[in-house]
Amino acid sequence: MADNMFQQAIDFINQEADLLDHKAYSEWLGLWERDGKYVVPVDIHETDFANTLNFAYDDHAMREMRVARLQNGESVSSVAQEGTVRSMSRFRLLDEDDQAIRLRCAMFLSEVRLAKPLLYPANVEYRLTKTSKGLRLHTKVVRLLNAGHHLNTVAFIF
């Protein structure tokens, strides 16, 4: 049974990546638990996100505001952004119980900006809750390997 749930979690994560690459932000918002957190820490070793600097530390309201900026053209940097393609791999089960499953994977996100490809490698940790309607996103932590260096203006969700 655990193998089946693990595969369902991998399928869910691949679906999330596809939604983001195709800018289906409203559908992406629908994947989340209301009390969930989307986190992109500045320090890839950090675990106390609430008390440290993050590129993103979004609760429900902040996720909605982020999506509104991207959809309504309020993000100036999104004008030059031509698209993203994510490759998710190396999935590893970290923990599972009756309520949730935690896993980690590698992500290579490629962005094309002004005809120039940019690459953002990351380790991503997910906590997905099990509900009667299927899996839901509770926590997503994106640990960008180049977070300590200059990041170009980001006009997408990792």
C-alpha atoms as a PDB file:
ATOM      1  CA  MET A   1       0.000   0.000   0.000  1.00  0.00           C
ATOM      2  CA  ALA A   2       2.825   2.421   0.813  1.00  0.00           C
ATOM      3  CA  ASP A   3       4.273   1.940  -2.694  1.00  0.00           C
ATOM      4  CA  ASN A   4       0.903   2.885  -4.184  1.00  0.00           C
ATOM      5  CA  MET A   5       0.728   6.049  -2.026  1.00  0.00           C
ATOM      6  CA  PHE A   6       4.326   6.909  -2.923  1.00  0.00           C
ATOM      7  CA  GLN A   7       3.460   6.651  -6.639  1.00  0.00           C
ATOM      8  CA  GLN A   8       0.349   8.787  -6.079  1.00  0.00           C
ATOM      9  CA  ALA A   9       2.550  11.409  -4.390  1.00  0.00           C
ATOM     10  CA  ILE A  10       5.002  11.383  -7.322  1.00  0.00           C
ATOM     11  CA  ASP A  11       2.093  11.770  -9.758  1.00  0.00           C
ATOM     12  CA  PHE A  12       0.755  14.673  -7.666  1.00  0.00           C
ATOM     13  CA  ILE A  13       4.143  16.440  -7.694  1.00  0.00           C
ATOM     14  CA  ASN A  14       4.461  15.974 -11.457  1.00  0.00           C
ATOM     15  CA  GLN A  15       0.959  17.399 -11.889  1.00  0.00           C
ATOM     16  CA  GLU A  16       1.912  20.420  -9.776  1.00  0.00           C
ATOM     17  CA  ALA A  17       5.041  20.986 -11.910  1.00  0.00           C
ATOM     18  CA  ASP A  18       2.949  20.779 -15.087  1.00  0.00           C
ATOM     19  CA  LEU A  19       0.404  23.290 -13.763  1.00  0.00           C
ATOM     20  CA  LEU A  20       3.162  25.760 -12.889  1.00  0.00           C
ATOM     21  CA  ASP A  21       4.945  25.368 -16.234  1.00  0.00           C
ATOM     22  CA  HIS A  22       1.659  26.029 -18.038  1.00  0.00           C
ATOM     23  CA  LYS A  23       0.807  28.985 -15.783  1.00  0.00           C
ATOM     24  CA  ALA A  24      -2.359  27.314 -14.491  1.00  0.00           C
ATOM     25  CA  TYR A  25      -2.028  29.239 -11.253  1.00  0.00           C
ATOM     26  CA  SER A  26      -5.685  29.048 -10.190  1.00  0.00           C
ATOM     27  CA  GLU A  27      -5.569  25.262 -10.455  1.00  0.00           C
ATOM     28  CA  TRP A  28      -2.254  25.306  -8.563  1.00  0.00           C
ATOM     29  CA  LEU A  29      -3.895  27.246  -5.726  1.00  0.00           C
ATOM     30  CA  GLY A  30      -6.561  24.536  -5.598  1.00  0.00           C
ATOM     31  CA  LEU A  31      -3.947  21.897  -4.726  1.00  0.00           C
ATOM     32  CA  TRP A  32      -3.188  23.514  -1.359  1.00  0.00           C
ATOM     33  CA  GLU A  33      -4.452  22.991   2.156  1.00  0.00           C
ATOM     34  CA  ARG A  34      -5.584  26.365   3.481  1.00  0.00           C
ATOM     35  CA  ASP A  35      -3.003  26.291   6.303  1.00  0.00           C
ATOM     36  CA  GLY A  36      -0.176  25.186   4.008  1.00  0.00           C
ATOM     37  CA  LYS A  37       3.173  26.950   3.525  1.00  0.00           C
ATOM     38  CA  TYR A  38       5.183  27.566   0.351  1.00  0.00           C
ATOM     39  CA  VAL A  39       8.797  28.266   1.368  1.00  0.00           C
ATOM     40  CA  VAL A  40      11.910  29.233  -0.575  1.00  0.00           C
ATOM     41  CA  PRO A  41      14.623  29.831   2.050  1.00  0.00           C
ATOM     42  CA  VAL A  42      17.666  32.024   1.432  1.00  0.00           C
ATOM     43  CA  ASP A  43      19.843  29.598   3.423  1.00  0.00           C
ATOM     44  CA  ILE A  44      19.413  26.059   2.072  1.00  0.00           C
ATOM     45  CA  HIS A  45      20.324  24.582   5.468  1.00  0.00           C
ATOM     46  CA  GLU A  46      17.726  26.594   7.411  1.00  0.00           C
ATOM     47  CA  THR A  47      14.797  24.855   9.116  1.00  0.00           C
ATOM     48  CA  ASP A  48      13.329  27.713  11.198  1.00  0.00           C
ATOM     49  CA  PHE A  49      11.573  29.474   8.335  1.00  0.00           C
ATOM     50  CA  ALA A  50       9.314  31.632  10.491  1.00  0.00           C
ATOM     51  CA  ASN A  51      12.285  33.388  12.115  1.00  0.00           C
ATOM     52  CA  THR A  52      14.694  33.730   9.193  1.00  0.00           C
ATOM     53  CA  LEU A  53      14.911  35.441   5.823  1.00  0.00           C
ATOM     54  CA  ASN A  54      13.211  33.656   2.918  1.00  0.00           C
ATOM     55  CA  PHE A  55      12.646  34.446  -0.743  1.00  0.00           C
ATOM     56  CA  ALA A  56       9.116  33.178  -0.119  1.00  0.00           C
ATOM     57  CA  TYR A  57       7.265  32.184   3.052  1.00  0.00           C
ATOM     58  CA  ASP A  58       3.707  32.137   1.796  1.00  0.00           C
ATOM     59  CA  ASP A  59       0.565  31.261   3.644  1.00  0.00           C
ATOM     60  CA  HIS A  60      -2.817  31.074   1.876  1.00  0.00           C
ATOM     61  CA  ALA A  61      -3.224  34.847   1.465  1.00  0.00           C
ATOM     62  CA  MET A  62       0.343  35.355   0.223  1.00  0.00           C
ATOM     63  CA  ARG A  63      -0.013  32.530  -2.326  1.00  0.00           C
ATOM     64  CA  GLU A  64      -3.152  34.201  -3.647  1.00  0.00           C
ATOM     65  CA  MET A  65      -1.388  37.590  -3.856  1.00  0.00           C
ATOM     66  CA  ARG A  66       1.605  36.044  -5.633  1.00  0.00           C
ATOM     67  CA  VAL A  67      -0.691  34.426  -8.202  1.00  0.00           C
ATOM     68  CA  ALA A  68      -2.667  37.671  -8.670  1.00  0.00           C
ATOM     69  CA  ARG A  69       0.561  39.576  -9.437  1.00  0.00           C
ATOM     70  CA  LEU A  70       1.577  36.976 -12.022  1.00  0.00           C
ATOM     71  CA  GLN A  71      -1.866  36.818 -13.659  1.00  0.00           C
ATOM     72  CA  ASN A  72      -2.630  40.539 -13.688  1.00  0.00           C
ATOM     73  CA  GLY A  73       0.657  41.758 -15.137  1.00  0.00           C
ATOM     74  CA  GLU A  74       1.621  43.494 -11.878  1.00  0.00           C
ATOM     75  CA  SER A  75       4.935  41.642 -11.953  1.00  0.00           C
ATOM     76  CA  VAL A  76       7.107  43.781 -14.240  1.00  0.00           C
ATOM     77  CA  SER A  77       9.705  41.018 -14.522  1.00  0.00           C
ATOM     78  CA  SER A  78       7.151  38.583 -15.968  1.00  0.00           C
ATOM     79  CA  VAL A  79       7.012  40.558 -19.220  1.00  0.00           C
ATOM     80  CA  ALA A  80      10.412  39.272 -20.385  1.00  0.00           C
ATOM     81  CA  GLN A  81       9.831  35.745 -19.082  1.00  0.00           C
ATOM     82  CA  GLU A  82       9.012  33.359 -21.931  1.00  0.00           C
ATOM     83  CA  GLY A  83       8.312  30.225 -19.914  1.00  0.00           C
ATOM     84  CA  THR A  84       9.588  27.514 -17.636  1.00  0.00           C
ATOM     85  CA  VAL A  85      10.149  23.777 -17.873  1.00  0.00           C
ATOM     86  CA  ARG A  86      10.651  21.669 -14.748  1.00  0.00           C
ATOM     87  CA  SER A  87      12.174  18.256 -14.524  1.00  0.00           C
ATOM     88  CA  MET A  88      11.380  16.428 -11.292  1.00  0.00           C
ATOM     89  CA  SER A  89      13.425  13.345 -10.392  1.00  0.00           C
ATOM     90  CA  ARG A  90      15.121  11.297  -7.666  1.00  0.00           C
ATOM     91  CA  PHE A  91      12.029  10.943  -5.497  1.00  0.00           C
ATOM     92  CA  ARG A  92      12.665   9.688  -1.967  1.00  0.00           C
ATOM     93  CA  LEU A  93      10.082   8.795   0.655  1.00  0.00           C
ATOM     94  CA  LEU A  94      10.967  10.494   3.960  1.00  0.00           C
ATOM     95  CA  ASP A  95       7.986   9.622   6.134  1.00  0.00           C
ATOM     96  CA  GLU A  96       4.413   8.404   5.906  1.00  0.00           C
ATOM     97  CA  ASP A  97       1.562   7.943   8.340  1.00  0.00           C
ATOM     98  CA  ASP A  98      -2.240   7.839   8.148  1.00  0.00           C
ATOM     99  CA  GLN A  99      -2.544  11.606   7.663  1.00  0.00           C
ATOM    100  CA  ALA A 100       0.401  12.590   5.447  1.00  0.00           C
ATOM    101  CA  ILE A 101       3.315  11.598   3.272  1.00  0.00           C
ATOM    102  CA  ARG A 102       6.644  13.466   3.118  1.00  0.00           C
ATOM    103  CA  LEU A 103       9.041  13.132   0.244  1.00  0.00           C
ATOM    104  CA  ARG A 104      11.990  14.884  -1.321  1.00  0.00           C
ATOM    105  CA  CYS A 105      13.035  15.171  -4.947  1.00  0.00           C
ATOM    106  CA  ALA A 106      15.392  16.992  -7.257  1.00  0.00           C
ATOM    107  CA  MET A 107      14.089  19.774  -9.454  1.00  0.00           C
ATOM    108  CA  PHE A 108      15.777  21.365 -12.433  1.00  0.00           C
ATOM    109  CA  LEU A 109      13.784  24.390 -13.459  1.00  0.00           C
ATOM    110  CA  SER A 110      14.746  25.982 -16.762  1.00  0.00           C
ATOM    111  CA  GLU A 111      13.560  29.478 -17.553  1.00  0.00           C
ATOM    112  CA  VAL A 112      13.919  31.327 -20.828  1.00  0.00           C
ATOM    113  CA  ARG A 113      14.234  35.088 -20.414  1.00  0.00           C
ATOM    114  CA  LEU A 114      15.004  37.341 -23.358  1.00  0.00           C
ATOM    115  CA  ALA A 115      15.974  34.229 -25.362  1.00  0.00           C
ATOM    116  CA  LYS A 116      18.560  33.268 -22.708  1.00  0.00           C
ATOM    117  CA  PRO A 117      18.110  29.966 -20.824  1.00  0.00           C
ATOM    118  CA  LEU A 118      18.616  30.038 -17.058  1.00  0.00           C
ATOM    119  CA  LEU A 119      18.755  26.985 -14.771  1.00  0.00           C
ATOM    120  CA  TYR A 120      17.632  26.747 -11.154  1.00  0.00           C
ATOM    121  CA  PRO A 121      18.607  23.417  -9.536  1.00  0.00           C
ATOM    122  CA  ALA A 122      16.908  22.636  -6.230  1.00  0.00           C
ATOM    123  CA  ASN A 123      16.052  20.009  -3.681  1.00  0.00           C
ATOM    124  CA  VAL A 124      12.346  20.184  -2.943  1.00  0.00           C
ATOM    125  CA  GLU A 125      10.622  18.722   0.090  1.00  0.00           C
ATOM    126  CA  TYR A 126       6.882  18.123   0.118  1.00  0.00           C
ATOM    127  CA  ARG A 127       4.427  17.274   2.860  1.00  0.00           C
ATOM    128  CA  LEU A 128       1.183  16.098   1.305  1.00  0.00           C
ATOM    129  CA  THR A 129      -1.908  15.466   3.398  1.00  0.00           C
ATOM    130  CA  LYS A 130      -4.192  12.541   2.674  1.00  0.00           C
ATOM    131  CA  THR A 131      -7.820  13.569   2.309  1.00  0.00           C
ATOM    132  CA  SER A 132     -11.002  11.862   1.145  1.00  0.00           C
ATOM    133  CA  LYS A 133     -10.584  13.793  -2.147  1.00  0.00           C
ATOM    134  CA  GLY A 134      -6.960  12.736  -2.627  1.00  0.00           C
ATOM    135  CA  LEU A 135      -3.639  14.331  -1.804  1.00  0.00           C
ATOM    136  CA  ARG A 136      -3.294  18.028  -0.962  1.00  0.00           C
ATOM    137  CA  LEU A 137      -0.217  20.226  -0.631  1.00  0.00           C
ATOM    138  CA  HIS A 138       0.544  21.192   2.949  1.00  0.00           C
ATOM    139  CA  THR A 139       4.204  22.214   2.794  1.00  0.00           C
ATOM    140  CA  LYS A 140       6.560  22.803  -0.107  1.00  0.00           C
ATOM    141  CA  VAL A 141      10.140  23.823   0.672  1.00  0.00           C
ATOM    142  CA  VAL A 142      12.320  24.686  -2.332  1.00  0.00           C
ATOM    143  CA  ARG A 143      16.023  24.711  -1.474  1.00  0.00           C
ATOM    144  CA  LEU A 144      17.688  26.436  -4.423  1.00  0.00           C
ATOM    145  CA  LEU A 145      21.318  25.407  -4.779  1.00  0.00           C
ATOM    146  CA  ASN A 146      22.203  28.896  -6.018  1.00  0.00           C
ATOM    147  CA  ALA A 147      20.164  30.717  -3.352  1.00  0.00           C
ATOM    148  CA  GLY A 148      23.283  32.200  -1.789  1.00  0.00           C
ATOM    149  CA  HIS A 149      24.276  33.824  -5.066  1.00  0.00           C
ATOM    150  CA  HIS A 150      22.661  36.501  -7.182  1.00  0.00           C
ATOM    151  CA  LEU A 151      19.251  35.398  -8.445  1.00  0.00           C
ATOM    152  CA  ASN A 152      17.774  37.119 -11.452  1.00  0.00           C
ATOM    153  CA  THR A 153      14.368  38.663 -10.985  1.00  0.00           C
ATOM    154  CA  VAL A 154      12.070  35.693 -10.578  1.00  0.00           C
ATOM    155  CA  ALA A 155       8.712  35.950 -12.335  1.00  0.00           C
ATOM    156  CA  PHE A 156       7.343  32.497 -11.585  1.00  0.00           C
ATOM    157  CA  ILE A 157       6.601  30.124  -8.737  1.00  0.00           C
ATOM    158  CA  PHE A 158       9.308  27.542  -8.032  1.00  0.00           C
END
